[in-house]
Amino acid sequence: MILGTSYGYGFYFASDHRISDFYAMPDLLNNDERTMLVCRVLVGRTCLGDTTMRQCPNGYDSTTDGSKIYVVYSNEQILPEYVITYKENYSTLEDIPIVYSNKTSDSGSCTLF
């Protein structure tokens, strides 16, 4: 899945770490470690985004895919809290992360991807 600007031109976050993990590139010079930034993101009132959006429509604070991906258009809505460096270790096929599922969004912290 390639997002690019699928839901607008902005900063992309996911409320499910598995989505962010999909976009975290392994560092080939550092034992394939990956890095993820965990942030608090003010998504406020959100609406469905599309590839043409360069800012939120009036009355909205962010755009979304309708599930777990959010796009904000100002860095003033982002508070980085943690930098997590990790290495994947899958023992079975069931451990491989689910990249995307279209379900109702949850509240909570989002991760940058």
PDB file of N, CA and C in Angstrom:
ATOM      1  N   MET A   1       0.844  -1.172   0.000  1.00  0.00           N
ATOM      2  CA  MET A   1       0.000   0.000   0.000  1.00  0.00           C
ATOM      3  C   MET A   1       0.892   1.238   0.000  1.00  0.00           C
ATOM      4  N   ILE A   2       0.662   2.144  -0.909  1.00  0.00           N
ATOM      5  CA  ILE A   2       1.415   3.392  -0.969  1.00  0.00           C
ATOM      6  C   ILE A   2       0.441   4.532  -0.696  1.00  0.00           C
ATOM      7  N   LEU A   3       0.725   5.302   0.341  1.00  0.00           N
ATOM      8  CA  LEU A   3      -0.171   6.406   0.692  1.00  0.00           C
ATOM      9  C   LEU A   3       0.191   7.676  -0.054  1.00  0.00           C
ATOM     10  N   GLY A   4       1.462   8.079  -0.033  1.00  0.00           N
ATOM     11  CA  GLY A   4       1.851   9.329  -0.668  1.00  0.00           C
ATOM     12  C   GLY A   4       1.024  10.478  -0.137  1.00  0.00           C
ATOM     13  N   THR A   5       0.083  10.933  -0.944  1.00  0.00           N
ATOM     14  CA  THR A   5      -0.820  12.019  -0.541  1.00  0.00           C
ATOM     15  C   THR A   5      -2.272  11.567  -0.655  1.00  0.00           C
ATOM     16  N   SER A   6      -2.535  10.316  -0.389  1.00  0.00           N
ATOM     17  CA  SER A   6      -3.880   9.754  -0.546  1.00  0.00           C
ATOM     18  C   SER A   6      -4.965  10.530   0.199  1.00  0.00           C
ATOM     19  N   TYR A   7      -4.624  11.064   1.376  1.00  0.00           N
ATOM     20  CA  TYR A   7      -5.625  11.757   2.189  1.00  0.00           C
ATOM     21  C   TYR A   7      -5.262  13.213   2.414  1.00  0.00           C
ATOM     22  N   GLY A   8      -4.383  13.765   1.568  1.00  0.00           N
ATOM     23  CA  GLY A   8      -4.007  15.160   1.652  1.00  0.00           C
ATOM     24  C   GLY A   8      -2.503  15.342   1.789  1.00  0.00           C
ATOM     25  N   TYR A   9      -2.056  16.581   1.577  1.00  0.00           N
ATOM     26  CA  TYR A   9      -0.646  16.946   1.700  1.00  0.00           C
ATOM     27  C   TYR A   9      -0.405  17.425   3.122  1.00  0.00           C
ATOM     28  N   GLY A  10       0.087  16.559   3.994  1.00  0.00           N
ATOM     29  CA  GLY A  10       0.309  16.951   5.377  1.00  0.00           C
ATOM     30  C   GLY A  10       1.155  15.930   6.100  1.00  0.00           C
ATOM     31  N   PHE A  11       1.066  15.941   7.420  1.00  0.00           N
ATOM     32  CA  PHE A  11       1.801  15.024   8.275  1.00  0.00           C
ATOM     33  C   PHE A  11       0.890  13.838   8.559  1.00  0.00           C
ATOM     34  N   TYR A  12       1.340  12.643   8.216  1.00  0.00           N
ATOM     35  CA  TYR A  12       0.532  11.431   8.359  1.00  0.00           C
ATOM     36  C   TYR A  12       0.829  10.721   9.677  1.00  0.00           C
ATOM     37  N   PHE A  13      -0.238  10.276  10.359  1.00  0.00           N
ATOM     38  CA  PHE A  13      -0.136   9.541  11.615  1.00  0.00           C
ATOM     39  C   PHE A  13      -1.117   8.379  11.588  1.00  0.00           C
ATOM     40  N   ALA A  14      -0.816   7.377  12.396  1.00  0.00           N
ATOM     41  CA  ALA A  14      -1.710   6.228  12.500  1.00  0.00           C
ATOM     42  C   ALA A  14      -1.952   5.920  13.969  1.00  0.00           C
ATOM     43  N   SER A  15      -3.175   5.552  14.308  1.00  0.00           N
ATOM     44  CA  SER A  15      -3.478   5.162  15.680  1.00  0.00           C
ATOM     45  C   SER A  15      -3.149   3.695  15.916  1.00  0.00           C
ATOM     46  N   ASP A  16      -2.771   2.969  14.872  1.00  0.00           N
ATOM     47  CA  ASP A  16      -2.358   1.570  14.976  1.00  0.00           C
ATOM     48  C   ASP A  16      -0.881   1.472  14.586  1.00  0.00           C
ATOM     49  N   HIS A  17      -0.036   1.051  15.518  1.00  0.00           N
ATOM     50  CA  HIS A  17       1.406   1.005  15.277  1.00  0.00           C
ATOM     51  C   HIS A  17       1.774   0.107  14.107  1.00  0.00           C
ATOM     52  N   ARG A  18       0.945  -0.860  13.762  1.00  0.00           N
ATOM     53  CA  ARG A  18       1.263  -1.776  12.666  1.00  0.00           C
ATOM     54  C   ARG A  18       1.286  -1.054  11.325  1.00  0.00           C
ATOM     55  N   ILE A  19       0.478  -0.027  11.197  1.00  0.00           N
ATOM     56  CA  ILE A  19       0.498   0.759   9.962  1.00  0.00           C
ATOM     57  C   ILE A  19       1.819   1.512   9.858  1.00  0.00           C
ATOM     58  N   SER A  20       2.229   2.136  10.951  1.00  0.00           N
ATOM     59  CA  SER A  20       3.498   2.862  10.960  1.00  0.00           C
ATOM     60  C   SER A  20       4.681   1.922  10.751  1.00  0.00           C
ATOM     61  N   ASP A  21       4.602   0.734  11.329  1.00  0.00           N
ATOM     62  CA  ASP A  21       5.674  -0.247  11.160  1.00  0.00           C
ATOM     63  C   ASP A  21       5.875  -0.585   9.683  1.00  0.00           C
ATOM     64  N   PHE A  22       4.801  -0.635   8.934  1.00  0.00           N
ATOM     65  CA  PHE A  22       4.882  -0.940   7.510  1.00  0.00           C
ATOM     66  C   PHE A  22       5.743   0.085   6.766  1.00  0.00           C
ATOM     67  N   TYR A  23       5.696   1.344   7.210  1.00  0.00           N
ATOM     68  CA  TYR A  23       6.439   2.419   6.539  1.00  0.00           C
ATOM     69  C   TYR A  23       7.808   2.686   7.150  1.00  0.00           C
ATOM     70  N   ALA A  24       8.126   2.068   8.288  1.00  0.00           N
ATOM     71  CA  ALA A  24       9.429   2.263   8.928  1.00  0.00           C
ATOM     72  C   ALA A  24      10.466   1.444   8.175  1.00  0.00           C
ATOM     73  N   MET A  25      11.389   2.121   7.524  1.00  0.00           N
ATOM     74  CA  MET A  25      12.396   1.445   6.711  1.00  0.00           C
ATOM     75  C   MET A  25      13.512   0.902   7.611  1.00  0.00           C
ATOM     76  N   PRO A  26      13.952  -0.335   7.371  1.00  0.00           N
ATOM     77  CA  PRO A  26      15.060  -0.887   8.151  1.00  0.00           C
ATOM     78  C   PRO A  26      16.365  -0.150   7.845  1.00  0.00           C
ATOM     79  N   ASP A  27      17.147   0.104   8.871  1.00  0.00           N
ATOM     80  CA  ASP A  27      18.461   0.738   8.725  1.00  0.00           C
ATOM     81  C   ASP A  27      19.474  -0.360   8.421  1.00  0.00           C
ATOM     82  N   LEU A  28      19.880  -0.475   7.177  1.00  0.00           N
ATOM     83  CA  LEU A  28      20.769  -1.556   6.747  1.00  0.00           C
ATOM     84  C   LEU A  28      22.147  -1.471   7.378  1.00  0.00           C
ATOM     85  N   LEU A  29      22.559  -0.276   7.821  1.00  0.00           N
ATOM     86  CA  LEU A  29      23.864  -0.106   8.452  1.00  0.00           C
ATOM     87  C   LEU A  29      23.829  -0.368   9.953  1.00  0.00           C
ATOM     88  N   ASN A  30      22.618  -0.571  10.482  1.00  0.00           N
ATOM     89  CA  ASN A  30      22.470  -0.726  11.928  1.00  0.00           C
ATOM     90  C   ASN A  30      21.618  -1.951  12.255  1.00  0.00           C
ATOM     91  N   ASN A  31      21.976  -3.099  11.699  1.00  0.00           N
ATOM     92  CA  ASN A  31      21.315  -4.383  11.989  1.00  0.00           C
ATOM     93  C   ASN A  31      19.813  -4.387  11.699  1.00  0.00           C
ATOM     94  N   ASP A  32      19.392  -3.692  10.663  1.00  0.00           N
ATOM     95  CA  ASP A  32      17.981  -3.654  10.259  1.00  0.00           C
ATOM     96  C   ASP A  32      17.052  -3.083  11.333  1.00  0.00           C
ATOM     97  N   GLU A  33      17.576  -2.242  12.209  1.00  0.00           N
ATOM     98  CA  GLU A  33      16.716  -1.597  13.207  1.00  0.00           C
ATOM     99  C   GLU A  33      15.789  -0.611  12.511  1.00  0.00           C
ATOM    100  N   ARG A  34      14.633  -0.436  13.084  1.00  0.00           N
ATOM    101  CA  ARG A  34      13.660   0.544  12.593  1.00  0.00           C
ATOM    102  C   ARG A  34      13.416   1.566  13.694  1.00  0.00           C
ATOM    103  N   THR A  35      12.962   2.745  13.304  1.00  0.00           N
ATOM    104  CA  THR A  35      12.682   3.801  14.271  1.00  0.00           C
ATOM    105  C   THR A  35      11.284   4.336  14.040  1.00  0.00           C
ATOM    106  N   MET A  36      10.575   4.540  15.138  1.00  0.00           N
ATOM    107  CA  MET A  36       9.216   5.063  15.083  1.00  0.00           C
ATOM    108  C   MET A  36       9.114   6.216  16.076  1.00  0.00           C
ATOM    109  N   LEU A  37       8.458   7.259  15.678  1.00  0.00           N
ATOM    110  CA  LEU A  37       8.234   8.421  16.528  1.00  0.00           C
ATOM    111  C   LEU A  37       6.807   8.351  17.062  1.00  0.00           C
ATOM    112  N   VAL A  38       6.663   8.343  18.382  1.00  0.00           N
ATOM    113  CA  VAL A  38       5.336   8.319  19.007  1.00  0.00           C
ATOM    114  C   VAL A  38       5.002   9.751  19.420  1.00  0.00           C
ATOM    115  N   CYS A  39       3.840  10.218  18.975  1.00  0.00           N
ATOM    116  CA  CYS A  39       3.449  11.608  19.201  1.00  0.00           C
ATOM    117  C   CYS A  39       2.033  11.699  19.750  1.00  0.00           C
ATOM    118  N   ARG A  40       1.779  12.806  20.411  1.00  0.00           N
ATOM    119  CA  ARG A  40       0.396  13.192  20.697  1.00  0.00           C
ATOM    120  C   ARG A  40       0.011  14.105  19.542  1.00  0.00           C
ATOM    121  N   VAL A  41      -1.140  13.828  18.949  1.00  0.00           N
ATOM    122  CA  VAL A  41      -1.571  14.588  17.784  1.00  0.00           C
ATOM    123  C   VAL A  41      -2.977  15.107  18.036  1.00  0.00           C
ATOM    124  N   LEU A  42      -3.157  16.408  17.869  1.00  0.00           N
ATOM    125  CA  LEU A  42      -4.482  17.001  18.002  1.00  0.00           C
ATOM    126  C   LEU A  42      -5.203  16.860  16.664  1.00  0.00           C
ATOM    127  N   VAL A  43      -6.063  15.855  16.560  1.00  0.00           N
ATOM    128  CA  VAL A  43      -6.770  15.653  15.296  1.00  0.00           C
ATOM    129  C   VAL A  43      -8.073  16.439  15.264  1.00  0.00           C
ATOM    130  N   GLY A  44      -8.630  16.768  16.436  1.00  0.00           N
ATOM    131  CA  GLY A  44      -9.850  17.573  16.490  1.00  0.00           C
ATOM    132  C   GLY A  44     -10.977  17.005  15.663  1.00  0.00           C
ATOM    133  N   ARG A  45     -11.670  17.876  14.984  1.00  0.00           N
ATOM    134  CA  ARG A  45     -12.770  17.459  14.099  1.00  0.00           C
ATOM    135  C   ARG A  45     -12.161  17.052  12.762  1.00  0.00           C
ATOM    136  N   THR A  46     -12.472  15.845  12.333  1.00  0.00           N
ATOM    137  CA  THR A  46     -11.823  15.300  11.145  1.00  0.00           C
ATOM    138  C   THR A  46     -12.833  14.952  10.058  1.00  0.00           C
ATOM    139  N   CYS A  47     -12.380  14.975   8.819  1.00  0.00           N
ATOM    140  CA  CYS A  47     -13.223  14.612   7.683  1.00  0.00           C
ATOM    141  C   CYS A  47     -12.421  13.736   6.734  1.00  0.00           C
ATOM    142  N   LEU A  48     -13.081  13.071   5.823  1.00  0.00           N
ATOM    143  CA  LEU A  48     -12.383  12.240   4.849  1.00  0.00           C
ATOM    144  C   LEU A  48     -11.490  13.108   3.977  1.00  0.00           C
ATOM    145  N   GLY A  49     -10.262  12.649   3.788  1.00  0.00           N
ATOM    146  CA  GLY A  49      -9.308  13.376   2.972  1.00  0.00           C
ATOM    147  C   GLY A  49      -9.241  12.813   1.565  1.00  0.00           C
ATOM    148  N   ASP A  50      -8.639  13.579   0.666  1.00  0.00           N
ATOM    149  CA  ASP A  50      -8.389  13.092  -0.691  1.00  0.00           C
ATOM    150  C   ASP A  50      -7.080  13.677  -1.201  1.00  0.00           C
ATOM    151  N   THR A  51      -6.656  13.234  -2.354  1.00  0.00           N
ATOM    152  CA  THR A  51      -5.331  13.586  -2.877  1.00  0.00           C
ATOM    153  C   THR A  51      -5.163  15.063  -3.210  1.00  0.00           C
ATOM    154  N   THR A  52      -6.243  15.817  -3.310  1.00  0.00           N
ATOM    155  CA  THR A  52      -6.142  17.225  -3.697  1.00  0.00           C
ATOM    156  C   THR A  52      -5.988  18.175  -2.511  1.00  0.00           C
ATOM    157  N   MET A  53      -6.231  17.702  -1.297  1.00  0.00           N
ATOM    158  CA  MET A  53      -6.266  18.589  -0.122  1.00  0.00           C
ATOM    159  C   MET A  53      -4.877  19.054   0.280  1.00  0.00           C
ATOM    160  N   ARG A  54      -4.734  20.372   0.411  1.00  0.00           N
ATOM    161  CA  ARG A  54      -3.498  20.968   0.899  1.00  0.00           C
ATOM    162  C   ARG A  54      -3.709  21.624   2.254  1.00  0.00           C
ATOM    163  N   GLN A  55      -4.952  21.672   2.687  1.00  0.00           N
ATOM    164  CA  GLN A  55      -5.322  22.138   4.020  1.00  0.00           C
ATOM    165  C   GLN A  55      -6.695  21.562   4.338  1.00  0.00           C
ATOM    166  N   CYS A  56      -7.071  21.651   5.599  1.00  0.00           N
ATOM    167  CA  CYS A  56      -8.383  21.141   6.002  1.00  0.00           C
ATOM    168  C   CYS A  56      -9.483  22.063   5.496  1.00  0.00           C
ATOM    169  N   PRO A  57     -10.635  21.495   5.191  1.00  0.00           N
ATOM    170  CA  PRO A  57     -11.778  22.354   4.868  1.00  0.00           C
ATOM    171  C   PRO A  57     -12.153  23.191   6.091  1.00  0.00           C
ATOM    172  N   ASN A  58     -12.805  24.308   5.879  1.00  0.00           N
ATOM    173  CA  ASN A  58     -13.244  25.160   6.989  1.00  0.00           C
ATOM    174  C   ASN A  58     -14.073  24.343   7.969  1.00  0.00           C
ATOM    175  N   GLY A  59     -13.792  24.525   9.245  1.00  0.00           N
ATOM    176  CA  GLY A  59     -14.527  23.820  10.293  1.00  0.00           C
ATOM    177  C   GLY A  59     -13.914  22.488  10.689  1.00  0.00           C
ATOM    178  N   TYR A  60     -12.815  22.085  10.053  1.00  0.00           N
ATOM    179  CA  TYR A  60     -12.155  20.818  10.367  1.00  0.00           C
ATOM    180  C   TYR A  60     -10.706  21.066  10.760  1.00  0.00           C
ATOM    181  N   ASP A  61     -10.151  20.102  11.522  1.00  0.00           N
ATOM    182  CA  ASP A  61      -8.783  20.222  12.020  1.00  0.00           C
ATOM    183  C   ASP A  61      -7.826  19.217  11.404  1.00  0.00           C
ATOM    184  N   SER A  62      -8.358  18.158  10.799  1.00  0.00           N
ATOM    185  CA  SER A  62      -7.529  17.118  10.188  1.00  0.00           C
ATOM    186  C   SER A  62      -8.364  16.352   9.178  1.00  0.00           C
ATOM    187  N   THR A  63      -7.671  15.536   8.380  1.00  0.00           N
ATOM    188  CA  THR A  63      -8.372  14.645   7.459  1.00  0.00           C
ATOM    189  C   THR A  63      -8.014  13.208   7.837  1.00  0.00           C
ATOM    190  N   THR A  64      -8.754  12.255   7.293  1.00  0.00           N
ATOM    191  CA  THR A  64      -8.590  10.860   7.675  1.00  0.00           C
ATOM    192  C   THR A  64      -8.961   9.943   6.523  1.00  0.00           C
ATOM    193  N   ASP A  65      -8.602   8.680   6.688  1.00  0.00           N
ATOM    194  CA  ASP A  65      -9.046   7.652   5.751  1.00  0.00           C
ATOM    195  C   ASP A  65     -10.378   7.069   6.209  1.00  0.00           C
ATOM    196  N   GLY A  66     -10.895   7.538   7.330  1.00  0.00           N
ATOM    197  CA  GLY A  66     -12.141   7.026   7.889  1.00  0.00           C
ATOM    198  C   GLY A  66     -11.909   5.884   8.857  1.00  0.00           C
ATOM    199  N   SER A  67     -10.653   5.584   9.143  1.00  0.00           N
ATOM    200  CA  SER A  67     -10.352   4.454  10.018  1.00  0.00           C
ATOM    201  C   SER A  67      -9.264   4.808  11.020  1.00  0.00           C
ATOM    202  N   LYS A  68      -7.995   4.567  10.683  1.00  0.00           N
ATOM    203  CA  LYS A  68      -6.892   4.720  11.642  1.00  0.00           C
ATOM    204  C   LYS A  68      -5.777   5.637  11.164  1.00  0.00           C
ATOM    205  N   ILE A  69      -5.940   6.267  10.032  1.00  0.00           N
ATOM    206  CA  ILE A  69      -4.923   7.166   9.497  1.00  0.00           C
ATOM    207  C   ILE A  69      -5.444   8.592   9.572  1.00  0.00           C
ATOM    208  N   TYR A  70      -4.593   9.492  10.093  1.00  0.00           N
ATOM    209  CA  TYR A  70      -4.969  10.893  10.240  1.00  0.00           C
ATOM    210  C   TYR A  70      -3.895  11.776   9.614  1.00  0.00           C
ATOM    211  N   VAL A  71      -4.316  12.878   9.037  1.00  0.00           N
ATOM    212  CA  VAL A  71      -3.404  13.834   8.431  1.00  0.00           C
ATOM    213  C   VAL A  71      -3.673  15.196   9.056  1.00  0.00           C
ATOM    214  N   VAL A  72      -2.616  15.814   9.595  1.00  0.00           N
ATOM    215  CA  VAL A  72      -2.717  17.184  10.094  1.00  0.00           C
ATOM    216  C   VAL A  72      -1.853  18.056   9.202  1.00  0.00           C
ATOM    217  N   TYR A  73      -2.182  19.323   9.137  1.00  0.00           N
ATOM    218  CA  TYR A  73      -1.538  20.223   8.182  1.00  0.00           C
ATOM    219  C   TYR A  73      -0.687  21.285   8.846  1.00  0.00           C
ATOM    220  N   SER A  74      -0.561  21.205  10.162  1.00  0.00           N
ATOM    221  CA  SER A  74       0.273  22.149  10.900  1.00  0.00           C
ATOM    222  C   SER A  74       1.095  21.383  11.932  1.00  0.00           C
ATOM    223  N   ASN A  75       2.384  21.701  12.017  1.00  0.00           N
ATOM    224  CA  ASN A  75       3.207  21.046  13.029  1.00  0.00           C
ATOM    225  C   ASN A  75       2.844  21.500  14.442  1.00  0.00           C
ATOM    226  N   GLU A  76       2.014  22.521  14.576  1.00  0.00           N
ATOM    227  CA  GLU A  76       1.560  22.965  15.887  1.00  0.00           C
ATOM    228  C   GLU A  76       0.566  21.986  16.507  1.00  0.00           C
ATOM    229  N   GLN A  77       0.097  21.015  15.742  1.00  0.00           N
ATOM    230  CA  GLN A  77      -0.830  20.003  16.243  1.00  0.00           C
ATOM    231  C   GLN A  77      -0.096  18.730  16.678  1.00  0.00           C
ATOM    232  N   ILE A  78       1.231  18.750  16.647  1.00  0.00           N
ATOM    233  CA  ILE A  78       2.033  17.552  16.891  1.00  0.00           C
ATOM    234  C   ILE A  78       2.950  17.765  18.092  1.00  0.00           C
ATOM    235  N   LEU A  79       2.922  16.839  19.040  1.00  0.00           N
ATOM    236  CA  LEU A  79       3.837  16.861  20.175  1.00  0.00           C
ATOM    237  C   LEU A  79       4.573  15.520  20.220  1.00  0.00           C
ATOM    238  N   PRO A  80       5.828  15.483  19.747  1.00  0.00           N
ATOM    239  CA  PRO A  80       6.596  14.230  19.817  1.00  0.00           C
ATOM    240  C   PRO A  80       6.862  13.861  21.275  1.00  0.00           C
ATOM    241  N   GLU A  81       6.674  12.582  21.607  1.00  0.00           N
ATOM    242  CA  GLU A  81       6.908  12.128  22.977  1.00  0.00           C
ATOM    243  C   GLU A  81       8.031  11.113  23.101  1.00  0.00           C
ATOM    244  N   TYR A  82       8.100  10.169  22.183  1.00  0.00           N
ATOM    245  CA  TYR A  82       9.094   9.099  22.278  1.00  0.00           C
ATOM    246  C   TYR A  82       9.664   8.775  20.906  1.00  0.00           C
ATOM    247  N   VAL A  83      10.936   8.393  20.906  1.00  0.00           N
ATOM    248  CA  VAL A  83      11.559   7.799  19.731  1.00  0.00           C
ATOM    249  C   VAL A  83      11.803   6.341  20.101  1.00  0.00           C
ATOM    250  N   ILE A  84      11.222   5.442  19.341  1.00  0.00           N
ATOM    251  CA  ILE A  84      11.364   4.015  19.616  1.00  0.00           C
ATOM    252  C   ILE A  84      12.195   3.389  18.508  1.00  0.00           C
ATOM    253  N   THR A  85      13.269   2.720  18.897  1.00  0.00           N
ATOM    254  CA  THR A  85      14.092   1.980  17.948  1.00  0.00           C
ATOM    255  C   THR A  85      13.890   0.506  18.246  1.00  0.00           C
ATOM    256  N   TYR A  86      13.612  -0.275  17.217  1.00  0.00           N
ATOM    257  CA  TYR A  86      13.295  -1.687  17.428  1.00  0.00           C
ATOM    258  C   TYR A  86      13.761  -2.514  16.238  1.00  0.00           C
ATOM    259  N   LYS A  87      13.770  -3.800  16.444  1.00  0.00           N
ATOM    260  CA  LYS A  87      14.122  -4.744  15.398  1.00  0.00           C
ATOM    261  C   LYS A  87      13.033  -5.803  15.372  1.00  0.00           C
ATOM    262  N   GLU A  88      12.547  -6.129  14.192  1.00  0.00           N
ATOM    263  CA  GLU A  88      11.472  -7.112  14.079  1.00  0.00           C
ATOM    264  C   GLU A  88      12.007  -8.513  14.308  1.00  0.00           C
ATOM    265  N   ASN A  89      11.173  -9.321  14.961  1.00  0.00           N
ATOM    266  CA  ASN A  89      11.527 -10.708  15.206  1.00  0.00           C
ATOM    267  C   ASN A  89      10.246 -11.525  15.137  1.00  0.00           C
ATOM    268  N   TYR A  90       9.912 -11.980  13.948  1.00  0.00           N
ATOM    269  CA  TYR A  90       8.687 -12.750  13.761  1.00  0.00           C
ATOM    270  C   TYR A  90       8.988 -14.228  13.866  1.00  0.00           C
ATOM    271  N   SER A  91       8.278 -14.913  14.756  1.00  0.00           N
ATOM    272  CA  SER A  91       8.500 -16.347  14.902  1.00  0.00           C
ATOM    273  C   SER A  91       7.527 -17.168  14.058  1.00  0.00           C
ATOM    274  N   THR A  92       6.351 -16.589  13.756  1.00  0.00           N
ATOM    275  CA  THR A  92       5.381 -17.289  12.918  1.00  0.00           C
ATOM    276  C   THR A  92       4.745 -16.300  11.964  1.00  0.00           C
ATOM    277  N   LEU A  93       4.059 -16.792  10.962  1.00  0.00           N
ATOM    278  CA  LEU A  93       3.360 -15.913  10.023  1.00  0.00           C
ATOM    279  C   LEU A  93       2.267 -15.113  10.708  1.00  0.00           C
ATOM    280  N   GLU A  94       1.706 -15.638  11.795  1.00  0.00           N
ATOM    281  CA  GLU A  94       0.649 -14.922  12.509  1.00  0.00           C
ATOM    282  C   GLU A  94       1.175 -13.663  13.198  1.00  0.00           C
ATOM    283  N   ASP A  95       2.496 -13.610  13.435  1.00  0.00           N
ATOM    284  CA  ASP A  95       3.088 -12.448  14.100  1.00  0.00           C
ATOM    285  C   ASP A  95       3.292 -11.259  13.168  1.00  0.00           C
ATOM    286  N   ILE A  96       3.227 -11.486  11.864  1.00  0.00           N
ATOM    287  CA  ILE A  96       3.448 -10.398  10.918  1.00  0.00           C
ATOM    288  C   ILE A  96       2.327  -9.385  11.068  1.00  0.00           C
ATOM    289  N   PRO A  97       2.653  -8.091  11.165  1.00  0.00           N
ATOM    290  CA  PRO A  97       1.633  -7.081  11.441  1.00  0.00           C
ATOM    291  C   PRO A  97       0.617  -6.941  10.312  1.00  0.00           C
ATOM    292  N   ILE A  98      -0.613  -6.626  10.698  1.00  0.00           N
ATOM    293  CA  ILE A  98      -1.653  -6.298   9.732  1.00  0.00           C
ATOM    294  C   ILE A  98      -1.445  -4.847   9.345  1.00  0.00           C
ATOM    295  N   VAL A  99      -1.304  -4.573   8.074  1.00  0.00           N
ATOM    296  CA  VAL A  99      -0.956  -3.233   7.631  1.00  0.00           C
ATOM    297  C   VAL A  99      -2.153  -2.304   7.666  1.00  0.00           C
ATOM    298  N   TYR A 100      -3.318  -2.775   7.292  1.00  0.00           N
ATOM    299  CA  TYR A 100      -4.452  -1.868   7.188  1.00  0.00           C
ATOM    300  C   TYR A 100      -5.758  -2.633   7.345  1.00  0.00           C
ATOM    301  N   SER A 101      -6.639  -2.092   8.125  1.00  0.00           N
ATOM    302  CA  SER A 101      -7.987  -2.636   8.197  1.00  0.00           C
ATOM    303  C   SER A 101      -8.942  -1.461   8.319  1.00  0.00           C
ATOM    304  N   ASN A 102     -10.064  -1.542   7.693  1.00  0.00           N
ATOM    305  CA  ASN A 102     -11.011  -0.439   7.657  1.00  0.00           C
ATOM    306  C   ASN A 102     -12.052  -0.612   8.743  1.00  0.00           C
ATOM    307  N   LYS A 103     -11.739  -0.136   9.945  1.00  0.00           N
ATOM    308  CA  LYS A 103     -12.633  -0.231  11.079  1.00  0.00           C
ATOM    309  C   LYS A 103     -12.813   1.160  11.660  1.00  0.00           C
ATOM    310  N   THR A 104     -13.735   1.292  12.578  1.00  0.00           N
ATOM    311  CA  THR A 104     -13.964   2.556  13.254  1.00  0.00           C
ATOM    312  C   THR A 104     -12.717   2.970  14.018  1.00  0.00           C
ATOM    313  N   SER A 105     -12.399   4.248  13.977  1.00  0.00           N
ATOM    314  CA  SER A 105     -11.172   4.739  14.617  1.00  0.00           C
ATOM    315  C   SER A 105     -11.266   4.668  16.132  1.00  0.00           C
ATOM    316  N   ASP A 106     -10.088   4.483  16.772  1.00  0.00           N
ATOM    317  CA  ASP A 106     -10.018   4.518  18.229  1.00  0.00           C
ATOM    318  C   ASP A 106      -9.396   5.827  18.642  1.00  0.00           C
ATOM    319  N   SER A 107      -9.544   6.126  19.909  1.00  0.00           N
ATOM    320  CA  SER A 107      -8.860   7.310  20.430  1.00  0.00           C
ATOM    321  C   SER A 107      -7.516   6.866  20.971  1.00  0.00           C
ATOM    322  N   GLY A 108      -6.625   7.799  21.199  1.00  0.00           N
ATOM    323  CA  GLY A 108      -5.327   7.474  21.749  1.00  0.00           C
ATOM    324  C   GLY A 108      -4.216   8.125  20.966  1.00  0.00           C
ATOM    325  N   SER A 109      -2.993   7.789  21.336  1.00  0.00           N
ATOM    326  CA  SER A 109      -1.833   8.363  20.657  1.00  0.00           C
ATOM    327  C   SER A 109      -1.702   7.816  19.249  1.00  0.00           C
ATOM    328  N   CYS A 110      -1.097   8.600  18.409  1.00  0.00           N
ATOM    329  CA  CYS A 110      -0.851   8.190  17.030  1.00  0.00           C
ATOM    330  C   CYS A 110       0.645   8.105  16.805  1.00  0.00           C
ATOM    331  N   THR A 111       1.051   7.312  15.830  1.00  0.00           N
ATOM    332  CA  THR A 111       2.462   7.214  15.503  1.00  0.00           C
ATOM    333  C   THR A 111       2.701   7.754  14.114  1.00  0.00           C
ATOM    334  N   LEU A 112       3.814   8.414  13.943  1.00  0.00           N
ATOM    335  CA  LEU A 112       4.167   9.009  12.670  1.00  0.00           C
ATOM    336  C   LEU A 112       4.671   7.956  11.720  1.00  0.00           C
ATOM    337  N   PHE A 113       4.300   8.051  10.464  1.00  0.00           N
ATOM    338  CA  PHE A 113       4.893   7.171   9.442  1.00  0.00           C
ATOM    339  C   PHE A 113       5.216   7.943   8.216  1.00  0.00           C
TER     340      PHE A 113
END
